[in-house]
Amino acid sequence: VQLQASGGGLVQAGGSLRLSCAASGLSFNRYVVGWFRQAQEKEREFVAAISRSGDNTEYADFVKGRFTISKDSAKNTVYLQMNSVKPEDTAVYYCAADSAYYRIRDFKQYDYWGQGTQVTVSS
């Protein structure tokens, strides 16, 4: 099983970025997929998650209205569209897969992790 996160980079405040999480060895139709982030010297925190069917999504309060999580089942890929980014969004972003839609905001519940992609927002 491998999750590949990509799409990070340097963006100016107020700009947009789209992260992708592609999976091999598992189907996102059978897993909840979450995005987490970890800034320097801070704990990993929940950003967003999407259910197996894609019908249900959850967001951290600090990204509501700015970020959107979605999935393309045909490509077995989950996206995180980041709009109106702020300098405080700077972090390494990780995608992860969880077999159960339970405590999805808790990173310890997730079974598989991608390698992370760096997002840097300049002011």
PDB file of N, CA and C in Angstrom:
ATOM      1  N   VAL A   1       0.842  -1.190   0.000  1.00  0.00           N
ATOM      2  CA  VAL A   1       0.000   0.000   0.000  1.00  0.00           C
ATOM      3  C   VAL A   1       0.885   1.251   0.000  1.00  0.00           C
ATOM      4  N   GLN A   2       0.516   2.178  -0.873  1.00  0.00           N
ATOM      5  CA  GLN A   2       1.287   3.412  -0.932  1.00  0.00           C
ATOM      6  C   GLN A   2       0.347   4.588  -1.198  1.00  0.00           C
ATOM      7  N   LEU A   3       0.517   5.647  -0.395  1.00  0.00           N
ATOM      8  CA  LEU A   3      -0.192   6.898  -0.638  1.00  0.00           C
ATOM      9  C   LEU A   3       0.839   7.933  -1.054  1.00  0.00           C
ATOM     10  N   GLN A   4       0.529   8.628  -2.132  1.00  0.00           N
ATOM     11  CA  GLN A   4       1.462   9.618  -2.673  1.00  0.00           C
ATOM     12  C   GLN A   4       0.796  10.985  -2.647  1.00  0.00           C
ATOM     13  N   ALA A   5       1.283  11.848  -1.761  1.00  0.00           N
ATOM     14  CA  ALA A   5       0.775  13.217  -1.687  1.00  0.00           C
ATOM     15  C   ALA A   5       1.624  14.113  -2.570  1.00  0.00           C
ATOM     16  N   SER A   6       0.974  15.016  -3.273  1.00  0.00           N
ATOM     17  CA  SER A   6       1.695  15.929  -4.152  1.00  0.00           C
ATOM     18  C   SER A   6       0.925  17.239  -4.289  1.00  0.00           C
ATOM     19  N   GLY A   7       1.569  18.211  -4.929  1.00  0.00           N
ATOM     20  CA  GLY A   7       0.896  19.477  -5.201  1.00  0.00           C
ATOM     21  C   GLY A   7       1.303  20.631  -4.316  1.00  0.00           C
ATOM     22  N   GLY A   8       2.139  20.366  -3.337  1.00  0.00           N
ATOM     23  CA  GLY A   8       2.583  21.436  -2.465  1.00  0.00           C
ATOM     24  C   GLY A   8       3.521  22.388  -3.192  1.00  0.00           C
ATOM     25  N   GLY A   9       3.823  23.480  -2.518  1.00  0.00           N
ATOM     26  CA  GLY A   9       4.724  24.461  -3.097  1.00  0.00           C
ATOM     27  C   GLY A   9       4.647  25.780  -2.370  1.00  0.00           C
ATOM     28  N   LEU A  10       5.184  26.801  -3.015  1.00  0.00           N
ATOM     29  CA  LEU A  10       5.187  28.148  -2.459  1.00  0.00           C
ATOM     30  C   LEU A  10       4.067  28.950  -3.103  1.00  0.00           C
ATOM     31  N   VAL A  11       3.245  29.587  -2.291  1.00  0.00           N
ATOM     32  CA  VAL A  11       2.115  30.380  -2.801  1.00  0.00           C
ATOM     33  C   VAL A  11       1.982  31.626  -1.951  1.00  0.00           C
ATOM     34  N   GLN A  12       1.518  32.693  -2.573  1.00  0.00           N
ATOM     35  CA  GLN A  12       1.316  33.938  -1.827  1.00  0.00           C
ATOM     36  C   GLN A  12       0.005  33.892  -1.046  1.00  0.00           C
ATOM     37  N   ALA A  13      -0.028  34.619   0.028  1.00  0.00           N
ATOM     38  CA  ALA A  13      -1.252  34.708   0.820  1.00  0.00           C
ATOM     39  C   ALA A  13      -2.405  35.162  -0.060  1.00  0.00           C
ATOM     40  N   GLY A  14      -3.548  34.508   0.111  1.00  0.00           N
ATOM     41  CA  GLY A  14      -4.710  34.805  -0.703  1.00  0.00           C
ATOM     42  C   GLY A  14      -4.810  33.955  -1.954  1.00  0.00           C
ATOM     43  N   GLY A  15      -3.761  33.230  -2.256  1.00  0.00           N
ATOM     44  CA  GLY A  15      -3.737  32.389  -3.444  1.00  0.00           C
ATOM     45  C   GLY A  15      -4.349  31.021  -3.216  1.00  0.00           C
ATOM     46  N   SER A  16      -4.169  30.152  -4.209  1.00  0.00           N
ATOM     47  CA  SER A  16      -4.764  28.826  -4.166  1.00  0.00           C
ATOM     48  C   SER A  16      -3.742  27.754  -4.507  1.00  0.00           C
ATOM     49  N   LEU A  17      -4.048  26.553  -4.039  1.00  0.00           N
ATOM     50  CA  LEU A  17      -3.194  25.393  -4.280  1.00  0.00           C
ATOM     51  C   LEU A  17      -4.089  24.169  -4.231  1.00  0.00           C
ATOM     52  N   ARG A  18      -3.784  23.172  -5.024  1.00  0.00           N
ATOM     53  CA  ARG A  18      -4.530  21.917  -4.939  1.00  0.00           C
ATOM     54  C   ARG A  18      -3.582  20.770  -4.654  1.00  0.00           C
ATOM     55  N   LEU A  19      -3.833  20.101  -3.561  1.00  0.00           N
ATOM     56  CA  LEU A  19      -3.061  18.928  -3.203  1.00  0.00           C
ATOM     57  C   LEU A  19      -3.771  17.679  -3.705  1.00  0.00           C
ATOM     58  N   SER A  20      -2.972  16.685  -4.060  1.00  0.00           N
ATOM     59  CA  SER A  20      -3.507  15.402  -4.511  1.00  0.00           C
ATOM     60  C   SER A  20      -2.951  14.290  -3.658  1.00  0.00           C
ATOM     61  N   CYS A  21      -3.763  13.260  -3.484  1.00  0.00           N
ATOM     62  CA  CYS A  21      -3.336  12.066  -2.766  1.00  0.00           C
ATOM     63  C   CYS A  21      -3.767  10.870  -3.616  1.00  0.00           C
ATOM     64  N   ALA A  22      -2.793  10.223  -4.203  1.00  0.00           N
ATOM     65  CA  ALA A  22      -3.065   9.065  -5.055  1.00  0.00           C
ATOM     66  C   ALA A  22      -2.679   7.796  -4.317  1.00  0.00           C
ATOM     67  N   ALA A  23      -3.489   6.769  -4.479  1.00  0.00           N
ATOM     68  CA  ALA A  23      -3.251   5.520  -3.759  1.00  0.00           C
ATOM     69  C   ALA A  23      -2.954   4.382  -4.718  1.00  0.00           C
ATOM     70  N   SER A  24      -2.084   3.506  -4.262  1.00  0.00           N
ATOM     71  CA  SER A  24      -1.864   2.237  -4.943  1.00  0.00           C
ATOM     72  C   SER A  24      -1.914   1.142  -3.895  1.00  0.00           C
ATOM     73  N   GLY A  25      -2.529   0.034  -4.261  1.00  0.00           N
ATOM     74  CA  GLY A  25      -2.635  -1.062  -3.311  1.00  0.00           C
ATOM     75  C   GLY A  25      -3.868  -1.036  -2.438  1.00  0.00           C
ATOM     76  N   LEU A  26      -4.676   0.012  -2.545  1.00  0.00           N
ATOM     77  CA  LEU A  26      -5.957   0.047  -1.859  1.00  0.00           C
ATOM     78  C   LEU A  26      -6.898   0.957  -2.629  1.00  0.00           C
ATOM     79  N   SER A  27      -8.189   0.745  -2.389  1.00  0.00           N
ATOM     80  CA  SER A  27      -9.190   1.559  -3.064  1.00  0.00           C
ATOM     81  C   SER A  27      -9.759   2.569  -2.097  1.00  0.00           C
ATOM     82  N   PHE A  28      -9.776   3.833  -2.481  1.00  0.00           N
ATOM     83  CA  PHE A  28     -10.350   4.861  -1.622  1.00  0.00           C
ATOM     84  C   PHE A  28     -11.858   4.697  -1.470  1.00  0.00           C
ATOM     85  N   ASN A  29     -12.463   3.826  -2.265  1.00  0.00           N
ATOM     86  CA  ASN A  29     -13.882   3.537  -2.073  1.00  0.00           C
ATOM     87  C   ASN A  29     -14.125   2.729  -0.796  1.00  0.00           C
ATOM     88  N   ARG A  30     -13.059   2.182  -0.244  1.00  0.00           N
ATOM     89  CA  ARG A  30     -13.186   1.364   0.962  1.00  0.00           C
ATOM     90  C   ARG A  30     -12.535   2.016   2.177  1.00  0.00           C
ATOM     91  N   TYR A  31     -12.018   3.227   2.009  1.00  0.00           N
ATOM     92  CA  TYR A  31     -11.312   3.892   3.095  1.00  0.00           C
ATOM     93  C   TYR A  31     -11.755   5.338   3.233  1.00  0.00           C
ATOM     94  N   VAL A  32     -11.814   5.767   4.453  1.00  0.00           N
ATOM     95  CA  VAL A  32     -11.927   7.194   4.736  1.00  0.00           C
ATOM     96  C   VAL A  32     -10.557   7.817   4.464  1.00  0.00           C
ATOM     97  N   VAL A  33     -10.533   8.975   3.857  1.00  0.00           N
ATOM     98  CA  VAL A  33      -9.269   9.649   3.590  1.00  0.00           C
ATOM     99  C   VAL A  33      -9.255  10.993   4.304  1.00  0.00           C
ATOM    100  N   GLY A  34      -8.181  11.218   5.011  1.00  0.00           N
ATOM    101  CA  GLY A  34      -8.040  12.472   5.734  1.00  0.00           C
ATOM    102  C   GLY A  34      -6.797  13.217   5.312  1.00  0.00           C
ATOM    103  N   TRP A  35      -6.854  14.520   5.482  1.00  0.00           N
ATOM    104  CA  TRP A  35      -5.680  15.371   5.338  1.00  0.00           C
ATOM    105  C   TRP A  35      -5.329  15.934   6.715  1.00  0.00           C
ATOM    106  N   PHE A  36      -4.055  15.868   7.019  1.00  0.00           N
ATOM    107  CA  PHE A  36      -3.530  16.433   8.255  1.00  0.00           C
ATOM    108  C   PHE A  36      -2.376  17.352   7.899  1.00  0.00           C
ATOM    109  N   ARG A  37      -1.991  18.178   8.837  1.00  0.00           N
ATOM    110  CA  ARG A  37      -0.834  19.024   8.586  1.00  0.00           C
ATOM    111  C   ARG A  37      -0.014  19.154   9.863  1.00  0.00           C
ATOM    112  N   GLN A  38       1.244  19.424   9.654  1.00  0.00           N
ATOM    113  CA  GLN A  38       2.137  19.605  10.792  1.00  0.00           C
ATOM    114  C   GLN A  38       3.099  20.735  10.479  1.00  0.00           C
ATOM    115  N   ALA A  39       2.979  21.797  11.249  1.00  0.00           N
ATOM    116  CA  ALA A  39       3.892  22.919  11.131  1.00  0.00           C
ATOM    117  C   ALA A  39       5.097  22.670  12.028  1.00  0.00           C
ATOM    118  N   GLN A  40       6.144  23.424  11.784  1.00  0.00           N
ATOM    119  CA  GLN A  40       7.369  23.236  12.576  1.00  0.00           C
ATOM    120  C   GLN A  40       7.087  23.426  14.058  1.00  0.00           C
ATOM    121  N   GLU A  41       7.577  22.486  14.835  1.00  0.00           N
ATOM    122  CA  GLU A  41       7.474  22.522  16.299  1.00  0.00           C
ATOM    123  C   GLU A  41       6.021  22.521  16.785  1.00  0.00           C
ATOM    124  N   LYS A  42       5.122  22.017  15.961  1.00  0.00           N
ATOM    125  CA  LYS A  42       3.726  21.892  16.373  1.00  0.00           C
ATOM    126  C   LYS A  42       3.268  20.459  16.166  1.00  0.00           C
ATOM    127  N   GLU A  43       2.178  20.122  16.824  1.00  0.00           N
ATOM    128  CA  GLU A  43       1.641  18.775  16.686  1.00  0.00           C
ATOM    129  C   GLU A  43       0.881  18.639  15.371  1.00  0.00           C
ATOM    130  N   ARG A  44       0.766  17.417  14.912  1.00  0.00           N
ATOM    131  CA  ARG A  44      -0.008  17.143  13.704  1.00  0.00           C
ATOM    132  C   ARG A  44      -1.481  17.433  14.000  1.00  0.00           C
ATOM    133  N   GLU A  45      -2.149  18.104  13.068  1.00  0.00           N
ATOM    134  CA  GLU A  45      -3.538  18.456  13.302  1.00  0.00           C
ATOM    135  C   GLU A  45      -4.417  18.090  12.105  1.00  0.00           C
ATOM    136  N   PHE A  46      -5.646  17.815  12.421  1.00  0.00           N
ATOM    137  CA  PHE A  46      -6.637  17.442  11.413  1.00  0.00           C
ATOM    138  C   PHE A  46      -7.002  18.644  10.562  1.00  0.00           C
ATOM    139  N   VAL A  47      -7.152  18.383   9.249  1.00  0.00           N
ATOM    140  CA  VAL A  47      -7.565  19.439   8.329  1.00  0.00           C
ATOM    141  C   VAL A  47      -8.936  19.119   7.727  1.00  0.00           C
ATOM    142  N   ALA A  48      -9.054  17.937   7.124  1.00  0.00           N
ATOM    143  CA  ALA A  48     -10.311  17.576   6.466  1.00  0.00           C
ATOM    144  C   ALA A  48     -10.346  16.073   6.247  1.00  0.00           C
ATOM    145  N   ALA A  49     -11.554  15.540   6.050  1.00  0.00           N
ATOM    146  CA  ALA A  49     -11.699  14.119   5.763  1.00  0.00           C
ATOM    147  C   ALA A  49     -12.918  13.911   4.879  1.00  0.00           C
ATOM    148  N   ILE A  50     -12.890  12.803   4.146  1.00  0.00           N
ATOM    149  CA  ILE A  50     -13.994  12.460   3.261  1.00  0.00           C
ATOM    150  C   ILE A  50     -14.313  10.984   3.434  1.00  0.00           C
ATOM    151  N   SER A  51     -15.600  10.677   3.420  1.00  0.00           N
ATOM    152  CA  SER A  51     -16.032   9.301   3.644  1.00  0.00           C
ATOM    153  C   SER A  51     -15.758   8.434   2.416  1.00  0.00           C
ATOM    154  N   ARG A  52     -15.993   7.144   2.578  1.00  0.00           N
ATOM    155  CA  ARG A  52     -15.746   6.195   1.477  1.00  0.00           C
ATOM    156  C   ARG A  52     -16.558   6.557   0.236  1.00  0.00           C
ATOM    157  N   SER A  53     -17.794   6.908   0.458  1.00  0.00           N
ATOM    158  CA  SER A  53     -18.678   7.211  -0.669  1.00  0.00           C
ATOM    159  C   SER A  53     -18.431   8.610  -1.227  1.00  0.00           C
ATOM    160  N   GLY A  54     -17.812   9.454  -0.422  1.00  0.00           N
ATOM    161  CA  GLY A  54     -17.629  10.843  -0.820  1.00  0.00           C
ATOM    162  C   GLY A  54     -18.795  11.727  -0.443  1.00  0.00           C
ATOM    163  N   ASP A  55     -19.825  11.139   0.167  1.00  0.00           N
ATOM    164  CA  ASP A  55     -21.022  11.901   0.505  1.00  0.00           C
ATOM    165  C   ASP A  55     -20.841  12.756   1.751  1.00  0.00           C
ATOM    166  N   ASN A  56     -19.916  12.346   2.604  1.00  0.00           N
ATOM    167  CA  ASN A  56     -19.722  13.067   3.866  1.00  0.00           C
ATOM    168  C   ASN A  56     -18.317  13.632   3.952  1.00  0.00           C
ATOM    169  N   THR A  57     -18.233  14.862   4.408  1.00  0.00           N
ATOM    170  CA  THR A  57     -16.949  15.513   4.611  1.00  0.00           C
ATOM    171  C   THR A  57     -16.932  16.224   5.951  1.00  0.00           C
ATOM    172  N   GLU A  58     -15.748  16.384   6.492  1.00  0.00           N
ATOM    173  CA  GLU A  58     -15.580  17.139   7.733  1.00  0.00           C
ATOM    174  C   GLU A  58     -14.363  18.036   7.590  1.00  0.00           C
ATOM    175  N   TYR A  59     -14.436  19.174   8.257  1.00  0.00           N
ATOM    176  CA  TYR A  59     -13.353  20.140   8.167  1.00  0.00           C
ATOM    177  C   TYR A  59     -13.010  20.682   9.548  1.00  0.00           C
ATOM    178  N   ALA A  60     -11.760  20.997   9.709  1.00  0.00           N
ATOM    179  CA  ALA A  60     -11.363  21.751  10.890  1.00  0.00           C
ATOM    180  C   ALA A  60     -11.937  23.162  10.765  1.00  0.00           C
ATOM    181  N   ASP A  61     -12.254  23.756  11.886  1.00  0.00           N
ATOM    182  CA  ASP A  61     -12.872  25.086  11.854  1.00  0.00           C
ATOM    183  C   ASP A  61     -11.996  26.108  11.135  1.00  0.00           C
ATOM    184  N   PHE A  62     -10.700  25.964  11.260  1.00  0.00           N
ATOM    185  CA  PHE A  62      -9.818  26.992  10.691  1.00  0.00           C
ATOM    186  C   PHE A  62      -9.709  26.919   9.169  1.00  0.00           C
ATOM    187  N   VAL A  63     -10.293  25.903   8.522  1.00  0.00           N
ATOM    188  CA  VAL A  63     -10.262  25.830   7.057  1.00  0.00           C
ATOM    189  C   VAL A  63     -11.657  25.873   6.437  1.00  0.00           C
ATOM    190  N   LYS A  64     -12.677  25.867   7.266  1.00  0.00           N
ATOM    191  CA  LYS A  64     -14.044  25.893   6.729  1.00  0.00           C
ATOM    192  C   LYS A  64     -14.262  27.123   5.860  1.00  0.00           C
ATOM    193  N   GLY A  65     -14.823  26.866   4.682  1.00  0.00           N
ATOM    194  CA  GLY A  65     -15.082  27.959   3.747  1.00  0.00           C
ATOM    195  C   GLY A  65     -13.897  28.287   2.861  1.00  0.00           C
ATOM    196  N   ARG A  66     -12.737  27.722   3.162  1.00  0.00           N
ATOM    197  CA  ARG A  66     -11.536  28.004   2.358  1.00  0.00           C
ATOM    198  C   ARG A  66     -11.029  26.750   1.644  1.00  0.00           C
ATOM    199  N   PHE A  67     -11.055  25.617   2.320  1.00  0.00           N
ATOM    200  CA  PHE A  67     -10.546  24.365   1.758  1.00  0.00           C
ATOM    201  C   PHE A  67     -11.715  23.443   1.403  1.00  0.00           C
ATOM    202  N   THR A  68     -11.517  22.641   0.369  1.00  0.00           N
ATOM    203  CA  THR A  68     -12.520  21.663  -0.036  1.00  0.00           C
ATOM    204  C   THR A  68     -11.845  20.336  -0.326  1.00  0.00           C
ATOM    205  N   ILE A  69     -12.351  19.282   0.294  1.00  0.00           N
ATOM    206  CA  ILE A  69     -11.845  17.942   0.031  1.00  0.00           C
ATOM    207  C   ILE A  69     -12.802  17.248  -0.937  1.00  0.00           C
ATOM    208  N   SER A  70     -12.240  16.508  -1.880  1.00  0.00           N
ATOM    209  CA  SER A  70     -13.058  15.802  -2.861  1.00  0.00           C
ATOM    210  C   SER A  70     -12.317  14.559  -3.311  1.00  0.00           C
ATOM    211  N   LYS A  71     -13.031  13.706  -4.028  1.00  0.00           N
ATOM    212  CA  LYS A  71     -12.371  12.501  -4.518  1.00  0.00           C
ATOM    213  C   LYS A  71     -12.802  12.194  -5.934  1.00  0.00           C
ATOM    214  N   ASP A  72     -11.885  11.563  -6.661  1.00  0.00           N
ATOM    215  CA  ASP A  72     -12.160  11.052  -8.003  1.00  0.00           C
ATOM    216  C   ASP A  72     -11.962   9.547  -7.928  1.00  0.00           C
ATOM    217  N   SER A  73     -13.055   8.813  -7.837  1.00  0.00           N
ATOM    218  CA  SER A  73     -12.952   7.364  -7.650  1.00  0.00           C
ATOM    219  C   SER A  73     -12.299   6.679  -8.840  1.00  0.00           C
ATOM    220  N   ALA A  74     -12.542   7.189 -10.021  1.00  0.00           N
ATOM    221  CA  ALA A  74     -11.955   6.572 -11.218  1.00  0.00           C
ATOM    222  C   ALA A  74     -10.426   6.655 -11.190  1.00  0.00           C
ATOM    223  N   LYS A  75      -9.918   7.731 -10.602  1.00  0.00           N
ATOM    224  CA  LYS A  75      -8.467   7.914 -10.519  1.00  0.00           C
ATOM    225  C   LYS A  75      -7.923   7.466  -9.160  1.00  0.00           C
ATOM    226  N   ASN A  76      -8.830   7.052  -8.260  1.00  0.00           N
ATOM    227  CA  ASN A  76      -8.418   6.638  -6.916  1.00  0.00           C
ATOM    228  C   ASN A  76      -7.549   7.725  -6.267  1.00  0.00           C
ATOM    229  N   THR A  77      -8.048   8.924  -6.357  1.00  0.00           N
ATOM    230  CA  THR A  77      -7.307  10.089  -5.881  1.00  0.00           C
ATOM    231  C   THR A  77      -8.226  11.005  -5.082  1.00  0.00           C
ATOM    232  N   VAL A  78      -7.684  11.548  -4.022  1.00  0.00           N
ATOM    233  CA  VAL A  78      -8.402  12.520  -3.206  1.00  0.00           C
ATOM    234  C   VAL A  78      -7.666  13.857  -3.313  1.00  0.00           C
ATOM    235  N   TYR A  79      -8.440  14.939  -3.366  1.00  0.00           N
ATOM    236  CA  TYR A  79      -7.870  16.265  -3.527  1.00  0.00           C
ATOM    237  C   TYR A  79      -8.182  17.144  -2.327  1.00  0.00           C
ATOM    238  N   LEU A  80      -7.314  18.095  -2.111  1.00  0.00           N
ATOM    239  CA  LEU A  80      -7.589  19.145  -1.142  1.00  0.00           C
ATOM    240  C   LEU A  80      -7.370  20.479  -1.857  1.00  0.00           C
ATOM    241  N   GLN A  81      -8.467  21.125  -2.198  1.00  0.00           N
ATOM    242  CA  GLN A  81      -8.400  22.437  -2.828  1.00  0.00           C
ATOM    243  C   GLN A  81      -8.272  23.484  -1.734  1.00  0.00           C
ATOM    244  N   MET A  82      -7.199  24.249  -1.802  1.00  0.00           N
ATOM    245  CA  MET A  82      -6.906  25.235  -0.773  1.00  0.00           C
ATOM    246  C   MET A  82      -7.036  26.629  -1.395  1.00  0.00           C
ATOM    247  N   ASN A  83      -8.006  27.380  -0.960  1.00  0.00           N
ATOM    248  CA  ASN A  83      -8.216  28.744  -1.444  1.00  0.00           C
ATOM    249  C   ASN A  83      -8.009  29.735  -0.307  1.00  0.00           C
ATOM    250  N   SER A  84      -7.744  30.973  -0.683  1.00  0.00           N
ATOM    251  CA  SER A  84      -7.562  32.042   0.316  1.00  0.00           C
ATOM    252  C   SER A  84      -6.572  31.618   1.398  1.00  0.00           C
ATOM    253  N   VAL A  85      -5.463  31.078   0.975  1.00  0.00           N
ATOM    254  CA  VAL A  85      -4.491  30.560   1.935  1.00  0.00           C
ATOM    255  C   VAL A  85      -3.874  31.700   2.748  1.00  0.00           C
ATOM    256  N   LYS A  86      -3.447  31.327   3.941  1.00  0.00           N
ATOM    257  CA  LYS A  86      -2.864  32.295   4.881  1.00  0.00           C
ATOM    258  C   LYS A  86      -1.472  31.813   5.280  1.00  0.00           C
ATOM    259  N   PRO A  87      -0.626  32.700   5.747  1.00  0.00           N
ATOM    260  CA  PRO A  87       0.709  32.259   6.196  1.00  0.00           C
ATOM    261  C   PRO A  87       0.637  31.165   7.255  1.00  0.00           C
ATOM    262  N   GLU A  88      -0.374  31.186   8.089  1.00  0.00           N
ATOM    263  CA  GLU A  88      -0.510  30.154   9.129  1.00  0.00           C
ATOM    264  C   GLU A  88      -0.904  28.785   8.570  1.00  0.00           C
ATOM    265  N   ASP A  89      -1.185  28.705   7.265  1.00  0.00           N
ATOM    266  CA  ASP A  89      -1.429  27.411   6.637  1.00  0.00           C
ATOM    267  C   ASP A  89      -0.126  26.713   6.259  1.00  0.00           C
ATOM    268  N   THR A  90       0.984  27.389   6.433  1.00  0.00           N
ATOM    269  CA  THR A  90       2.283  26.799   6.123  1.00  0.00           C
ATOM    270  C   THR A  90       2.530  25.564   6.986  1.00  0.00           C
ATOM    271  N   ALA A  91       2.811  24.447   6.328  1.00  0.00           N
ATOM    272  CA  ALA A  91       3.001  23.180   7.040  1.00  0.00           C
ATOM    273  C   ALA A  91       3.322  22.092   6.025  1.00  0.00           C
ATOM    274  N   VAL A  92       3.694  20.945   6.535  1.00  0.00           N
ATOM    275  CA  VAL A  92       3.746  19.737   5.709  1.00  0.00           C
ATOM    276  C   VAL A  92       2.361  19.098   5.790  1.00  0.00           C
ATOM    277  N   TYR A  93       1.779  18.830   4.643  1.00  0.00           N
ATOM    278  CA  TYR A  93       0.438  18.247   4.561  1.00  0.00           C
ATOM    279  C   TYR A  93       0.551  16.758   4.235  1.00  0.00           C
ATOM    280  N   TYR A  94      -0.168  15.974   5.014  1.00  0.00           N
ATOM    281  CA  TYR A  94      -0.161  14.526   4.850  1.00  0.00           C
ATOM    282  C   TYR A  94      -1.572  14.027   4.530  1.00  0.00           C
ATOM    283  N   CYS A  95      -1.639  13.018   3.668  1.00  0.00           N
ATOM    284  CA  CYS A  95      -2.909  12.330   3.497  1.00  0.00           C
ATOM    285  C   CYS A  95      -2.788  10.964   4.174  1.00  0.00           C
ATOM    286  N   ALA A  96      -3.928  10.462   4.590  1.00  0.00           N
ATOM    287  CA  ALA A  96      -3.952   9.198   5.316  1.00  0.00           C
ATOM    288  C   ALA A  96      -5.261   8.483   5.041  1.00  0.00           C
ATOM    289  N   ALA A  97      -5.236   7.165   5.180  1.00  0.00           N
ATOM    290  CA  ALA A  97      -6.417   6.347   4.932  1.00  0.00           C
ATOM    291  C   ALA A  97      -6.781   5.570   6.183  1.00  0.00           C
ATOM    292  N   ASP A  98      -8.074   5.540   6.463  1.00  0.00           N
ATOM    293  CA  ASP A  98      -8.596   4.882   7.657  1.00  0.00           C
ATOM    294  C   ASP A  98      -9.712   3.949   7.235  1.00  0.00           C
ATOM    295  N   SER A  99      -9.715   2.744   7.783  1.00  0.00           N
ATOM    296  CA  SER A  99     -10.714   1.755   7.366  1.00  0.00           C
ATOM    297  C   SER A  99     -12.091   2.004   7.954  1.00  0.00           C
ATOM    298  N   ALA A 100     -12.189   2.854   8.984  1.00  0.00           N
ATOM    299  CA  ALA A 100     -13.480   3.087   9.638  1.00  0.00           C
ATOM    300  C   ALA A 100     -13.736   4.576   9.801  1.00  0.00           C
ATOM    301  N   TYR A 101     -14.998   4.968   9.630  1.00  0.00           N
ATOM    302  CA  TYR A 101     -15.399   6.373   9.807  1.00  0.00           C
ATOM    303  C   TYR A 101     -15.694   6.594  11.278  1.00  0.00           C
ATOM    304  N   TYR A 102     -14.592   6.624  12.041  1.00  0.00           N
ATOM    305  CA  TYR A 102     -14.694   6.719  13.493  1.00  0.00           C
ATOM    306  C   TYR A 102     -13.536   7.543  14.007  1.00  0.00           C
ATOM    307  N   ARG A 103     -13.837   8.571  14.770  1.00  0.00           N
ATOM    308  CA  ARG A 103     -12.799   9.460  15.317  1.00  0.00           C
ATOM    309  C   ARG A 103     -11.833   9.890  14.224  1.00  0.00           C
ATOM    310  N   ILE A 104     -12.393  10.343  13.126  1.00  0.00           N
ATOM    311  CA  ILE A 104     -11.569  10.643  11.949  1.00  0.00           C
ATOM    312  C   ILE A 104     -10.688  11.867  12.148  1.00  0.00           C
ATOM    313  N   ARG A 105     -10.922  12.625  13.203  1.00  0.00           N
ATOM    314  CA  ARG A 105     -10.045  13.763  13.480  1.00  0.00           C
ATOM    315  C   ARG A 105      -8.800  13.363  14.265  1.00  0.00           C
ATOM    316  N   ASP A 106      -8.741  12.112  14.671  1.00  0.00           N
ATOM    317  CA  ASP A 106      -7.627  11.599  15.465  1.00  0.00           C
ATOM    318  C   ASP A 106      -6.639  10.900  14.551  1.00  0.00           C
ATOM    319  N   PHE A 107      -5.440  11.483  14.379  1.00  0.00           N
ATOM    320  CA  PHE A 107      -4.494  10.906  13.420  1.00  0.00           C
ATOM    321  C   PHE A 107      -4.070   9.496  13.824  1.00  0.00           C
ATOM    322  N   LYS A 108      -4.172   9.157  15.097  1.00  0.00           N
ATOM    323  CA  LYS A 108      -3.749   7.818  15.538  1.00  0.00           C
ATOM    324  C   LYS A 108      -4.676   6.718  15.005  1.00  0.00           C
ATOM    325  N   GLN A 109      -5.854   7.095  14.524  1.00  0.00           N
ATOM    326  CA  GLN A 109      -6.802   6.103  14.017  1.00  0.00           C
ATOM    327  C   GLN A 109      -6.471   5.635  12.604  1.00  0.00           C
ATOM    328  N   TYR A 110      -5.613   6.363  11.900  1.00  0.00           N
ATOM    329  CA  TYR A 110      -5.387   6.096  10.492  1.00  0.00           C
ATOM    330  C   TYR A 110      -4.377   4.977  10.282  1.00  0.00           C
ATOM    331  N   ASP A 111      -4.657   4.168   9.260  1.00  0.00           N
ATOM    332  CA  ASP A 111      -3.868   2.959   9.007  1.00  0.00           C
ATOM    333  C   ASP A 111      -2.676   3.212   8.090  1.00  0.00           C
ATOM    334  N   TYR A 112      -2.862   4.072   7.100  1.00  0.00           N
ATOM    335  CA  TYR A 112      -1.821   4.290   6.096  1.00  0.00           C
ATOM    336  C   TYR A 112      -1.588   5.785   5.907  1.00  0.00           C
ATOM    337  N   TRP A 113      -0.331   6.137   5.654  1.00  0.00           N
ATOM    338  CA  TRP A 113       0.059   7.545   5.505  1.00  0.00           C
ATOM    339  C   TRP A 113       0.901   7.763   4.261  1.00  0.00           C
ATOM    340  N   GLY A 114       0.696   8.926   3.665  1.00  0.00           N
ATOM    341  CA  GLY A 114       1.570   9.362   2.593  1.00  0.00           C
ATOM    342  C   GLY A 114       2.800  10.036   3.180  1.00  0.00           C
ATOM    343  N   GLN A 115       3.702  10.447   2.321  1.00  0.00           N
ATOM    344  CA  GLN A 115       4.989  10.967   2.758  1.00  0.00           C
ATOM    345  C   GLN A 115       4.949  12.451   3.107  1.00  0.00           C
ATOM    346  N   GLY A 116       3.887  13.155   2.744  1.00  0.00           N
ATOM    347  CA  GLY A 116       3.796  14.571   3.062  1.00  0.00           C
ATOM    348  C   GLY A 116       4.261  15.449   1.913  1.00  0.00           C
ATOM    349  N   THR A 117       3.636  16.615   1.807  1.00  0.00           N
ATOM    350  CA  THR A 117       4.026  17.592   0.804  1.00  0.00           C
ATOM    351  C   THR A 117       4.050  18.964   1.471  1.00  0.00           C
ATOM    352  N   GLN A 118       5.106  19.715   1.225  1.00  0.00           N
ATOM    353  CA  GLN A 118       5.304  20.997   1.902  1.00  0.00           C
ATOM    354  C   GLN A 118       4.476  22.098   1.237  1.00  0.00           C
ATOM    355  N   VAL A 119       3.742  22.834   2.054  1.00  0.00           N
ATOM    356  CA  VAL A 119       3.026  24.015   1.601  1.00  0.00           C
ATOM    357  C   VAL A 119       3.588  25.211   2.354  1.00  0.00           C
ATOM    358  N   THR A 120       4.026  26.205   1.601  1.00  0.00           N
ATOM    359  CA  THR A 120       4.571  27.410   2.206  1.00  0.00           C
ATOM    360  C   THR A 120       3.801  28.608   1.663  1.00  0.00           C
ATOM    361  N   VAL A 121       3.230  29.391   2.575  1.00  0.00           N
ATOM    362  CA  VAL A 121       2.448  30.562   2.189  1.00  0.00           C
ATOM    363  C   VAL A 121       3.202  31.810   2.612  1.00  0.00           C
ATOM    364  N   SER A 122       3.529  32.632   1.641  1.00  0.00           N
ATOM    365  CA  SER A 122       4.264  33.861   1.935  1.00  0.00           C
ATOM    366  C   SER A 122       3.284  35.015   2.129  1.00  0.00           C
ATOM    367  N   SER A 123       3.675  35.928   2.999  1.00  0.00           N
ATOM    368  CA  SER A 123       2.793  37.072   3.305  1.00  0.00           C
ATOM    369  C   SER A 123       3.066  38.247   2.389  1.00  0.00           C
TER     370      SER A 123
END
